Amino acid sequence: NHLLGGAVEIHGVDVLDDVGAEYQAENVTYLQADAAKMPIRSRIYDLAYSYATFEHIVALKESWQGMLDCLK
Protein backbone atom coordinates (compact mmCIF):
# COMPACT_ATOMS: atom_id res chain seq x y z
CA ASN A 1 0.00 0.00 0.00
CA HIS A 2 1.21 3.48 -0.77
CA LEU A 3 0.60 6.80 0.94
CA LEU A 4 -2.66 7.43 -0.94
CA GLY A 5 -4.10 4.08 0.06
CA GLY A 6 -4.60 1.03 -2.09
CA ALA A 7 -2.20 -1.13 -4.03
CA VAL A 8 0.47 0.22 -6.33
CA GLU A 9 1.09 -1.61 -9.58
CA ILE A 10 4.18 -0.67 -11.58
CA HIS A 11 4.83 -1.52 -15.22
CA GLY A 12 8.35 -1.05 -16.54
CA VAL A 13 8.89 -0.71 -20.28
CA ASP A 14 12.24 -0.96 -22.04
CA VAL A 15 13.45 -1.94 -25.48
CA LEU A 16 16.24 -4.09 -24.00
CA ASP A 17 15.97 -7.88 -24.09
CA ASP A 18 16.80 -8.17 -20.39
CA VAL A 19 14.29 -5.58 -19.15
CA GLY A 20 13.72 -6.13 -15.45
CA ALA A 21 16.70 -8.43 -14.97
CA GLU A 22 18.24 -6.19 -12.31
CA TYR A 23 15.16 -5.67 -10.13
CA GLN A 24 12.18 -7.87 -9.34
CA ALA A 25 9.26 -7.21 -7.00
CA GLU A 26 5.78 -8.68 -6.79
CA ASN A 27 4.09 -5.40 -7.76
CA VAL A 28 6.36 -4.78 -10.80
CA THR A 29 5.71 -6.16 -14.28
CA TYR A 30 8.06 -5.59 -17.18
CA LEU A 31 7.29 -5.27 -20.87
CA GLN A 32 9.87 -5.28 -23.63
CA ALA A 33 8.68 -2.64 -26.09
CA ASP A 34 9.78 0.37 -28.09
CA ALA A 35 8.25 3.58 -26.71
CA ALA A 36 7.61 4.77 -30.25
CA LYS A 37 5.48 1.66 -30.86
CA MET A 38 3.86 1.21 -27.46
CA PRO A 39 1.45 -1.74 -27.42
CA ILE A 40 -0.49 -0.10 -24.55
CA ARG A 41 -2.81 2.65 -25.79
CA SER A 42 -5.74 2.38 -23.41
CA ARG A 43 -5.08 5.42 -21.20
CA ILE A 44 -4.87 3.35 -18.03
CA TYR A 45 -1.90 4.90 -16.21
CA ASP A 46 -1.85 7.77 -13.73
CA LEU A 47 1.85 8.47 -14.22
CA ALA A 48 4.53 7.89 -16.83
CA TYR A 49 8.13 8.36 -15.77
CA SER A 50 11.36 8.21 -17.71
CA TYR A 51 14.92 8.40 -16.42
CA ALA A 52 18.03 8.73 -18.61
CA THR A 53 16.18 7.44 -21.66
CA PHE A 54 15.12 10.04 -24.18
CA GLU A 55 18.65 11.09 -25.10
CA HIS A 56 18.99 7.61 -26.67
CA ILE A 57 15.76 7.70 -28.67
CA VAL A 58 15.69 8.68 -32.35
CA ALA A 59 11.89 8.84 -32.77
CA LEU A 60 11.28 11.40 -30.01
CA LYS A 61 7.85 12.62 -31.12
CA GLU A 62 6.49 9.08 -31.51
CA SER A 63 7.98 7.99 -28.18
CA TRP A 64 6.49 10.92 -26.28
CA GLN A 65 3.15 10.23 -27.94
CA GLY A 66 3.42 6.57 -26.93
CA MET A 67 3.83 7.60 -23.32
CA LEU A 68 1.01 10.16 -23.51
CA ASP A 69 -1.37 7.62 -25.07
CA CYS A 70 -0.98 5.43 -21.97
CA LEU A 71 -2.01 8.19 -19.55
CA LYS A 72 -5.51 8.86 -18.27
PDB file of N, CA and C in Angstrom:
ATOM      1  N   ASN A   1       0.838  -1.204   0.000  1.00  0.00           N
ATOM      2  CA  ASN A   1       0.000   0.000   0.000  1.00  0.00           C
ATOM      3  C   ASN A   1       0.868   1.247   0.000  1.00  0.00           C
ATOM      4  N   HIS A   2       0.443   2.236  -0.716  1.00  0.00           N
ATOM      5  CA  HIS A   2       1.206   3.476  -0.767  1.00  0.00           C
ATOM      6  C   HIS A   2       0.538   4.547   0.070  1.00  0.00           C
ATOM      7  N   LEU A   3       1.084   5.720   0.094  1.00  0.00           N
ATOM      8  CA  LEU A   3       0.600   6.800   0.945  1.00  0.00           C
ATOM      9  C   LEU A   3      -0.832   7.219   0.647  1.00  0.00           C
ATOM     10  N   LEU A   4      -1.300   7.039  -0.590  1.00  0.00           N
ATOM     11  CA  LEU A   4      -2.658   7.435  -0.944  1.00  0.00           C
ATOM     12  C   LEU A   4      -3.667   6.338  -0.667  1.00  0.00           C
ATOM     13  N   GLY A   5      -3.221   5.205  -0.200  1.00  0.00           N
ATOM     14  CA  GLY A   5      -4.100   4.076   0.065  1.00  0.00           C
ATOM     15  C   GLY A   5      -4.275   3.217  -1.167  1.00  0.00           C
ATOM     16  N   GLY A   6      -4.429   1.934  -0.975  1.00  0.00           N
ATOM     17  CA  GLY A   6      -4.601   1.027  -2.093  1.00  0.00           C
ATOM     18  C   GLY A   6      -3.286   0.473  -2.596  1.00  0.00           C
ATOM     19  N   ALA A   7      -3.382  -0.456  -3.496  1.00  0.00           N
ATOM     20  CA  ALA A   7      -2.202  -1.126  -4.029  1.00  0.00           C
ATOM     21  C   ALA A   7      -1.570  -0.328  -5.157  1.00  0.00           C
ATOM     22  N   VAL A   8      -0.274  -0.421  -5.255  1.00  0.00           N
ATOM     23  CA  VAL A   8       0.467   0.216  -6.333  1.00  0.00           C
ATOM     24  C   VAL A   8       0.919  -0.874  -7.285  1.00  0.00           C
ATOM     25  N   GLU A   9       0.634  -0.688  -8.552  1.00  0.00           N
ATOM     26  CA  GLU A   9       1.091  -1.610  -9.580  1.00  0.00           C
ATOM     27  C   GLU A   9       2.006  -0.829 -10.512  1.00  0.00           C
ATOM     28  N   ILE A  10       3.187  -1.361 -10.776  1.00  0.00           N
ATOM     29  CA  ILE A  10       4.177  -0.675 -11.584  1.00  0.00           C
ATOM     30  C   ILE A  10       4.477  -1.511 -12.816  1.00  0.00           C
ATOM     31  N   HIS A  11       4.473  -0.868 -13.969  1.00  0.00           N
ATOM     32  CA  HIS A  11       4.833  -1.525 -15.223  1.00  0.00           C
ATOM     33  C   HIS A  11       6.060  -0.827 -15.775  1.00  0.00           C
ATOM     34  N   GLY A  12       7.126  -1.576 -15.960  1.00  0.00           N
ATOM     35  CA  GLY A  12       8.351  -1.047 -16.539  1.00  0.00           C
ATOM     36  C   GLY A  12       8.427  -1.427 -18.005  1.00  0.00           C
ATOM     37  N   VAL A  13       8.796  -0.475 -18.833  1.00  0.00           N
ATOM     38  CA  VAL A  13       8.895  -0.715 -20.276  1.00  0.00           C
ATOM     39  C   VAL A  13      10.302  -0.347 -20.719  1.00  0.00           C
ATOM     40  N   ASP A  14      10.922  -1.240 -21.484  1.00  0.00           N
ATOM     41  CA  ASP A  14      12.244  -0.964 -22.037  1.00  0.00           C
ATOM     42  C   ASP A  14      12.408  -1.771 -23.309  1.00  0.00           C
ATOM     43  N   VAL A  15      13.201  -1.259 -24.210  1.00  0.00           N
ATOM     44  CA  VAL A  15      13.454  -1.935 -25.481  1.00  0.00           C
ATOM     45  C   VAL A  15      14.469  -3.076 -25.310  1.00  0.00           C
ATOM     46  N   LEU A  16      15.212  -3.082 -24.230  1.00  0.00           N
ATOM     47  CA  LEU A  16      16.242  -4.090 -24.000  1.00  0.00           C
ATOM     48  C   LEU A  16      15.663  -5.482 -23.784  1.00  0.00           C
ATOM     49  N   ASP A  17      16.394  -6.488 -24.255  1.00  0.00           N
ATOM     50  CA  ASP A  17      15.970  -7.878 -24.092  1.00  0.00           C
ATOM     51  C   ASP A  17      15.881  -8.294 -22.627  1.00  0.00           C
ATOM     52  N   ASP A  18      16.763  -7.761 -21.788  1.00  0.00           N
ATOM     53  CA  ASP A  18      16.797  -8.172 -20.387  1.00  0.00           C
ATOM     54  C   ASP A  18      16.090  -7.177 -19.458  1.00  0.00           C
ATOM     55  N   VAL A  19      15.043  -6.541 -19.967  1.00  0.00           N
ATOM     56  CA  VAL A  19      14.294  -5.583 -19.154  1.00  0.00           C
ATOM     57  C   VAL A  19      13.831  -6.260 -17.864  1.00  0.00           C
ATOM     58  N   GLY A  20      14.118  -5.607 -16.748  1.00  0.00           N
ATOM     59  CA  GLY A  20      13.721  -6.131 -15.451  1.00  0.00           C
ATOM     60  C   GLY A  20      14.678  -7.123 -14.827  1.00  0.00           C
ATOM     61  N   ALA A  21      15.764  -7.428 -15.490  1.00  0.00           N
ATOM     62  CA  ALA A  21      16.697  -8.426 -14.973  1.00  0.00           C
ATOM     63  C   ALA A  21      17.373  -7.982 -13.665  1.00  0.00           C
ATOM     64  N   GLU A  22      17.522  -6.693 -13.485  1.00  0.00           N
ATOM     65  CA  GLU A  22      18.242  -6.190 -12.313  1.00  0.00           C
ATOM     66  C   GLU A  22      17.356  -5.961 -11.095  1.00  0.00           C
ATOM     67  N   TYR A  23      16.048  -5.932 -11.267  1.00  0.00           N
ATOM     68  CA  TYR A  23      15.159  -5.669 -10.132  1.00  0.00           C
ATOM     69  C   TYR A  23      13.848  -6.411 -10.322  1.00  0.00           C
ATOM     70  N   GLN A  24      13.457  -7.147  -9.317  1.00  0.00           N
ATOM     71  CA  GLN A  24      12.185  -7.870  -9.338  1.00  0.00           C
ATOM     72  C   GLN A  24      11.426  -7.577  -8.046  1.00  0.00           C
ATOM     73  N   ALA A  25      10.139  -7.386  -8.151  1.00  0.00           N
ATOM     74  CA  ALA A  25       9.260  -7.213  -6.997  1.00  0.00           C
ATOM     75  C   ALA A  25       7.877  -7.696  -7.403  1.00  0.00           C
ATOM     76  N   GLU A  26       7.077  -8.090  -6.440  1.00  0.00           N
ATOM     77  CA  GLU A  26       5.782  -8.682  -6.793  1.00  0.00           C
ATOM     78  C   GLU A  26       4.803  -7.689  -7.403  1.00  0.00           C
ATOM     79  N   ASN A  27       4.998  -6.386  -7.183  1.00  0.00           N
ATOM     80  CA  ASN A  27       4.087  -5.400  -7.764  1.00  0.00           C
ATOM     81  C   ASN A  27       4.629  -4.772  -9.050  1.00  0.00           C
ATOM     82  N   VAL A  28       5.734  -5.319  -9.588  1.00  0.00           N
ATOM     83  CA  VAL A  28       6.356  -4.777 -10.795  1.00  0.00           C
ATOM     84  C   VAL A  28       6.274  -5.795 -11.927  1.00  0.00           C
ATOM     85  N   THR A  29       5.773  -5.345 -13.071  1.00  0.00           N
ATOM     86  CA  THR A  29       5.708  -6.159 -14.278  1.00  0.00           C
ATOM     87  C   THR A  29       6.491  -5.438 -15.360  1.00  0.00           C
ATOM     88  N   TYR A  30       7.246  -6.187 -16.130  1.00  0.00           N
ATOM     89  CA  TYR A  30       8.064  -5.585 -17.180  1.00  0.00           C
ATOM     90  C   TYR A  30       7.548  -5.980 -18.557  1.00  0.00           C
ATOM     91  N   LEU A  31       7.701  -5.065 -19.488  1.00  0.00           N
ATOM     92  CA  LEU A  31       7.295  -5.272 -20.866  1.00  0.00           C
ATOM     93  C   LEU A  31       8.429  -4.815 -21.771  1.00  0.00           C
ATOM     94  N   GLN A  32       8.862  -5.676 -22.655  1.00  0.00           N
ATOM     95  CA  GLN A  32       9.869  -5.277 -23.631  1.00  0.00           C
ATOM     96  C   GLN A  32       9.133  -4.646 -24.803  1.00  0.00           C
ATOM     97  N   ALA A  33       9.362  -3.357 -25.018  1.00  0.00           N
ATOM     98  CA  ALA A  33       8.682  -2.644 -26.095  1.00  0.00           C
ATOM     99  C   ALA A  33       9.446  -1.371 -26.431  1.00  0.00           C
ATOM    100  N   ASP A  34       9.230  -0.891 -27.617  1.00  0.00           N
ATOM    101  CA  ASP A  34       9.776   0.372 -28.091  1.00  0.00           C
ATOM    102  C   ASP A  34       8.753   1.456 -27.761  1.00  0.00           C
ATOM    103  N   ALA A  35       9.180   2.509 -27.094  1.00  0.00           N
ATOM    104  CA  ALA A  35       8.254   3.582 -26.706  1.00  0.00           C
ATOM    105  C   ALA A  35       7.546   4.195 -27.905  1.00  0.00           C
ATOM    106  N   ALA A  36       8.211   4.214 -29.048  1.00  0.00           N
ATOM    107  CA  ALA A  36       7.606   4.774 -30.255  1.00  0.00           C
ATOM    108  C   ALA A  36       6.517   3.870 -30.826  1.00  0.00           C
ATOM    109  N   LYS A  37       6.473   2.633 -30.383  1.00  0.00           N
ATOM    110  CA  LYS A  37       5.478   1.657 -30.859  1.00  0.00           C
ATOM    111  C   LYS A  37       4.819   0.979 -29.675  1.00  0.00           C
ATOM    112  N   MET A  38       4.422   1.763 -28.693  1.00  0.00           N
ATOM    113  CA  MET A  38       3.856   1.213 -27.460  1.00  0.00           C
ATOM    114  C   MET A  38       2.634   0.351 -27.743  1.00  0.00           C
ATOM    115  N   PRO A  39       2.614  -0.870 -27.220  1.00  0.00           N
ATOM    116  CA  PRO A  39       1.448  -1.738 -27.415  1.00  0.00           C
ATOM    117  C   PRO A  39       0.291  -1.374 -26.488  1.00  0.00           C
ATOM    118  N   ILE A  40       0.551  -0.502 -25.516  1.00  0.00           N
ATOM    119  CA  ILE A  40      -0.486  -0.097 -24.553  1.00  0.00           C
ATOM    120  C   ILE A  40      -1.000   1.272 -24.966  1.00  0.00           C
ATOM    121  N   ARG A  41      -2.250   1.360 -25.358  1.00  0.00           N
ATOM    122  CA  ARG A  41      -2.809   2.649 -25.788  1.00  0.00           C
ATOM    123  C   ARG A  41      -4.181   2.884 -25.157  1.00  0.00           C
ATOM    124  N   SER A  42      -4.390   2.334 -23.975  1.00  0.00           N
ATOM    125  CA  SER A  42      -5.736   2.382 -23.413  1.00  0.00           C
ATOM    126  C   SER A  42      -5.933   3.432 -22.328  1.00  0.00           C
ATOM    127  N   ARG A  43      -4.956   4.337 -22.177  1.00  0.00           N
ATOM    128  CA  ARG A  43      -5.080   5.423 -21.198  1.00  0.00           C
ATOM    129  C   ARG A  43      -5.424   4.895 -19.804  1.00  0.00           C
ATOM    130  N   ILE A  44      -4.592   3.977 -19.319  1.00  0.00           N
ATOM    131  CA  ILE A  44      -4.869   3.346 -18.028  1.00  0.00           C
ATOM    132  C   ILE A  44      -3.946   3.822 -16.910  1.00  0.00           C
ATOM    133  N   TYR A  45      -2.884   4.542 -17.233  1.00  0.00           N
ATOM    134  CA  TYR A  45      -1.897   4.898 -16.214  1.00  0.00           C
ATOM    135  C   TYR A  45      -2.095   6.306 -15.678  1.00  0.00           C
ATOM    136  N   ASP A  46      -1.801   6.466 -14.387  1.00  0.00           N
ATOM    137  CA  ASP A  46      -1.854   7.769 -13.735  1.00  0.00           C
ATOM    138  C   ASP A  46      -0.562   8.556 -13.943  1.00  0.00           C
ATOM    139  N   LEU A  47       0.536   7.836 -14.144  1.00  0.00           N
ATOM    140  CA  LEU A  47       1.846   8.470 -14.219  1.00  0.00           C
ATOM    141  C   LEU A  47       2.738   7.722 -15.200  1.00  0.00           C
ATOM    142  N   ALA A  48       3.475   8.467 -15.983  1.00  0.00           N
ATOM    143  CA  ALA A  48       4.527   7.894 -16.833  1.00  0.00           C
ATOM    144  C   ALA A  48       5.820   8.593 -16.436  1.00  0.00           C
ATOM    145  N   TYR A  49       6.865   7.821 -16.259  1.00  0.00           N
ATOM    146  CA  TYR A  49       8.131   8.358 -15.768  1.00  0.00           C
ATOM    147  C   TYR A  49       9.267   7.797 -16.605  1.00  0.00           C
ATOM    148  N   SER A  50      10.200   8.632 -16.940  1.00  0.00           N
ATOM    149  CA  SER A  50      11.361   8.207 -17.712  1.00  0.00           C
ATOM    150  C   SER A  50      12.606   8.773 -17.057  1.00  0.00           C
ATOM    151  N   TYR A  51      13.656   7.957 -17.002  1.00  0.00           N
ATOM    152  CA  TYR A  51      14.921   8.397 -16.420  1.00  0.00           C
ATOM    153  C   TYR A  51      16.061   7.996 -17.349  1.00  0.00           C
ATOM    154  N   ALA A  52      16.839   8.960 -17.774  1.00  0.00           N
ATOM    155  CA  ALA A  52      18.026   8.726 -18.607  1.00  0.00           C
ATOM    156  C   ALA A  52      17.696   7.874 -19.825  1.00  0.00           C
ATOM    157  N   THR A  53      16.647   8.241 -20.530  1.00  0.00           N
ATOM    158  CA  THR A  53      16.184   7.440 -21.661  1.00  0.00           C
ATOM    159  C   THR A  53      16.114   8.229 -22.956  1.00  0.00           C
ATOM    160  N   PHE A  54      15.468   9.354 -22.943  1.00  0.00           N
ATOM    161  CA  PHE A  54      15.120  10.040 -24.184  1.00  0.00           C
ATOM    162  C   PHE A  54      16.319  10.579 -24.964  1.00  0.00           C
ATOM    163  N   GLU A  55      17.467  10.684 -24.337  1.00  0.00           N
ATOM    164  CA  GLU A  55      18.649  11.085 -25.104  1.00  0.00           C
ATOM    165  C   GLU A  55      19.135   9.971 -26.028  1.00  0.00           C
ATOM    166  N   HIS A  56      18.611   8.764 -25.833  1.00  0.00           N
ATOM    167  CA  HIS A  56      18.988   7.615 -26.668  1.00  0.00           C
ATOM    168  C   HIS A  56      17.969   7.311 -27.762  1.00  0.00           C
ATOM    169  N   ILE A  57      16.862   8.016 -27.773  1.00  0.00           N
ATOM    170  CA  ILE A  57      15.756   7.701 -28.675  1.00  0.00           C
ATOM    171  C   ILE A  57      15.811   8.582 -29.922  1.00  0.00           C
ATOM    172  N   VAL A  58      15.685   7.963 -31.073  1.00  0.00           N
ATOM    173  CA  VAL A  58      15.694   8.680 -32.352  1.00  0.00           C
ATOM    174  C   VAL A  58      14.300   9.238 -32.653  1.00  0.00           C
ATOM    175  N   ALA A  59      13.268   8.439 -32.463  1.00  0.00           N
ATOM    176  CA  ALA A  59      11.889   8.842 -32.770  1.00  0.00           C
ATOM    177  C   ALA A  59      11.260   9.511 -31.541  1.00  0.00           C
ATOM    178  N   LEU A  60      11.739  10.714 -31.221  1.00  0.00           N
ATOM    179  CA  LEU A  60      11.281  11.402 -30.013  1.00  0.00           C
ATOM    180  C   LEU A  60       9.779  11.686 -30.008  1.00  0.00           C
ATOM    181  N   LYS A  61       9.274  12.254 -31.080  1.00  0.00           N
ATOM    182  CA  LYS A  61       7.854  12.617 -31.123  1.00  0.00           C
ATOM    183  C   LYS A  61       6.974  11.381 -30.925  1.00  0.00           C
ATOM    184  N   GLU A  62       7.280  10.305 -31.607  1.00  0.00           N
ATOM    185  CA  GLU A  62       6.488   9.077 -31.506  1.00  0.00           C
ATOM    186  C   GLU A  62       6.607   8.451 -30.111  1.00  0.00           C
ATOM    187  N   SER A  63       7.772   8.545 -29.519  1.00  0.00           N
ATOM    188  CA  SER A  63       7.982   7.988 -28.182  1.00  0.00           C
ATOM    189  C   SER A  63       7.222   8.776 -27.121  1.00  0.00           C
ATOM    190  N   TRP A  64       7.290  10.104 -27.212  1.00  0.00           N
ATOM    191  CA  TRP A  64       6.494  10.924 -26.283  1.00  0.00           C
ATOM    192  C   TRP A  64       5.008  10.641 -26.458  1.00  0.00           C
ATOM    193  N   GLN A  65       4.558  10.519 -27.688  1.00  0.00           N
ATOM    194  CA  GLN A  65       3.149  10.229 -27.942  1.00  0.00           C
ATOM    195  C   GLN A  65       2.772   8.863 -27.381  1.00  0.00           C
ATOM    196  N   GLY A  66       3.660   7.892 -27.503  1.00  0.00           N
ATOM    197  CA  GLY A  66       3.417   6.568 -26.933  1.00  0.00           C
ATOM    198  C   GLY A  66       3.199   6.622 -25.441  1.00  0.00           C
ATOM    199  N   MET A  67       4.004   7.425 -24.760  1.00  0.00           N
ATOM    200  CA  MET A  67       3.828   7.596 -23.316  1.00  0.00           C
ATOM    201  C   MET A  67       2.521   8.322 -23.007  1.00  0.00           C
ATOM    202  N   LEU A  68       2.240   9.382 -23.752  1.00  0.00           N
ATOM    203  CA  LEU A  68       1.009  10.159 -23.510  1.00  0.00           C
ATOM    204  C   LEU A  68      -0.251   9.314 -23.749  1.00  0.00           C
ATOM    205  N   ASP A  69      -0.209   8.452 -24.753  1.00  0.00           N
ATOM    206  CA  ASP A  69      -1.375   7.620 -25.066  1.00  0.00           C
ATOM    207  C   ASP A  69      -1.708   6.625 -23.955  1.00  0.00           C
ATOM    208  N   CYS A  70      -0.751   6.363 -23.087  1.00  0.00           N
ATOM    209  CA  CYS A  70      -0.977   5.427 -21.974  1.00  0.00           C
ATOM    210  C   CYS A  70      -1.620   6.116 -20.775  1.00  0.00           C
ATOM    211  N   LEU A  71      -1.552   7.452 -20.723  1.00  0.00           N
ATOM    212  CA  LEU A  71      -2.011   8.194 -19.551  1.00  0.00           C
ATOM    213  C   LEU A  71      -3.511   8.489 -19.589  1.00  0.00           C
ATOM    214  N   LYS A  72      -4.089   8.522 -18.398  1.00  0.00           N
ATOM    215  CA  LYS A  72      -5.514   8.864 -18.272  1.00  0.00           C
ATOM    216  C   LYS A  72      -5.751  10.309 -18.679  1.00  0.00           C
TER     217      LYS A  72
END
